[in-house]
Amino acid sequence: MKPVLPVLLLGILAGCSPGTQTAQAERHYALSGKVVALDPKSRTATVDASAIPNFMDAMTMDYPVKSKADFSKLHVGDRIKASVNVAGDGGYDLSNIQVENAGK
């Protein structure tokens, strides 16, 4: 075996290590729904949301809210529109929250 071949093989194998995998891009989906509960301690909003095409069926679930400003404008009963941000590792949160019909 020529000396170049082992070096080439090591380079290829190093490129296959778990530490060099590229992270999946964050995805964003439009959400609309009604706030049914708020947890200030964990900064999560429980939202009864409509179906999100190409992502999930209609369901009620907890969403972490990244921004303190977004969280502070929410009240139980608010109808909202927001972005669901889904990270490559499966983590998710809400951002760009707009209160559509406060308290109704």
Protein backbone atom coordinates (compact mmCIF):
# COMPACT_ATOMS: atom_id res chain seq x y z
CA MET A 1 0.00 0.00 0.00
CA LYS A 2 1.36 3.41 -0.90
CA PRO A 3 1.71 5.93 1.96
CA VAL A 4 -0.89 8.26 0.37
CA LEU A 5 -3.70 5.69 0.55
CA PRO A 6 -3.71 5.28 4.38
CA VAL A 7 -3.75 9.07 4.79
CA LEU A 8 -6.65 9.32 2.33
CA LEU A 9 -8.59 6.59 4.17
CA LEU A 10 -8.07 8.33 7.52
CA GLY A 11 -9.39 11.56 6.04
CA ILE A 12 -12.52 9.82 4.76
CA LEU A 13 -13.15 8.07 8.07
CA ALA A 14 -12.66 11.32 10.01
CA GLY A 15 -15.35 12.90 7.84
CA CYS A 16 -17.79 10.20 8.98
CA SER A 17 -17.50 10.90 12.70
CA PRO A 18 -20.65 12.04 14.58
CA GLY A 19 -19.09 15.39 15.44
CA THR A 20 -18.95 16.46 11.81
CA GLN A 21 -22.58 15.88 10.86
CA THR A 22 -24.41 19.00 9.76
CA ALA A 23 -27.40 20.08 11.80
CA GLN A 24 -30.77 20.12 10.12
CA ALA A 25 -32.10 23.57 9.37
CA GLU A 26 -34.76 25.05 11.63
CA ARG A 27 -38.25 24.88 10.12
CA HIS A 28 -41.06 27.39 10.66
CA TYR A 29 -44.83 26.81 10.55
CA ALA A 30 -47.79 29.18 10.90
CA LEU A 31 -49.94 28.47 13.97
CA SER A 32 -53.37 29.84 14.85
CA GLY A 33 -55.26 28.95 17.98
CA LYS A 34 -56.57 29.90 21.40
CA VAL A 35 -54.48 30.25 24.57
CA VAL A 36 -56.01 27.94 27.19
CA ALA A 37 -53.33 28.19 29.91
CA LEU A 38 -50.11 30.05 30.72
CA ASP A 39 -47.19 29.01 32.93
CA PRO A 40 -45.01 32.04 33.73
CA LYS A 41 -42.43 29.93 35.59
CA SER A 42 -41.56 27.84 32.52
CA ARG A 43 -42.72 30.55 30.08
CA THR A 44 -45.02 28.13 28.23
CA ALA A 45 -48.39 28.73 26.64
CA THR A 46 -50.91 25.92 26.23
CA VAL A 47 -52.56 26.52 22.88
CA ASP A 48 -55.59 24.81 21.36
CA ALA A 49 -54.30 25.08 17.79
CA SER A 50 -55.78 24.42 14.39
CA ALA A 51 -54.12 21.87 12.14
CA ILE A 52 -50.74 22.98 10.79
CA PRO A 53 -50.48 21.77 7.18
CA ASN A 54 -47.49 19.49 6.53
CA PHE A 55 -46.67 19.37 10.26
CA MET A 56 -49.41 18.27 12.70
CA ASP A 57 -53.12 17.76 13.21
CA ALA A 58 -55.21 20.12 15.33
CA MET A 59 -54.34 19.62 19.01
CA THR A 60 -53.84 21.30 22.34
CA MET A 61 -50.26 21.34 23.56
CA ASP A 62 -47.70 23.37 25.51
CA TYR A 63 -45.37 25.64 23.57
CA PRO A 64 -42.31 27.34 25.07
CA VAL A 65 -42.29 31.06 24.24
CA LYS A 66 -38.79 32.30 23.45
CA SER A 67 -39.38 36.03 23.94
CA LYS A 68 -40.34 37.53 27.31
CA ALA A 69 -42.09 40.35 25.44
CA ASP A 70 -44.20 37.88 23.42
CA PHE A 71 -45.11 35.92 26.55
CA SER A 72 -46.06 39.02 28.55
CA LYS A 73 -48.74 40.06 26.05
CA LEU A 74 -50.59 36.72 26.28
CA HIS A 75 -53.74 36.09 28.33
CA VAL A 76 -55.89 32.98 28.71
CA GLY A 77 -58.64 33.16 26.10
CA ASP A 78 -56.59 35.11 23.52
CA ARG A 79 -56.81 33.98 19.91
CA ILE A 80 -53.31 34.14 18.44
CA LYS A 81 -51.28 33.69 15.31
CA ALA A 82 -47.62 32.77 15.73
CA SER A 83 -44.66 30.94 14.21
CA VAL A 84 -43.78 27.47 15.47
CA ASN A 85 -40.02 27.09 15.16
CA VAL A 86 -38.80 23.48 15.03
CA ALA A 87 -35.07 22.89 15.48
CA GLY A 88 -33.18 20.03 13.86
CA ASP A 89 -32.88 18.34 17.27
CA GLY A 90 -36.69 18.28 17.70
CA GLY A 91 -36.90 21.24 20.07
CA TYR A 92 -39.59 23.80 19.34
CA ASP A 93 -40.92 27.17 20.48
CA LEU A 94 -43.30 29.97 19.51
CA SER A 95 -42.27 33.38 18.20
CA ASN A 96 -43.76 36.32 16.31
CA ILE A 97 -46.94 36.07 18.39
CA GLN A 98 -49.84 38.28 17.34
CA VAL A 99 -52.94 38.53 19.52
CA GLU A 100 -55.88 38.46 17.10
CA ASN A 101 -58.92 38.64 19.35
CA ALA A 102 -57.93 39.32 22.95
CA GLY A 103 -59.79 37.31 25.58
CA LYS A 104 -62.52 35.92 23.32
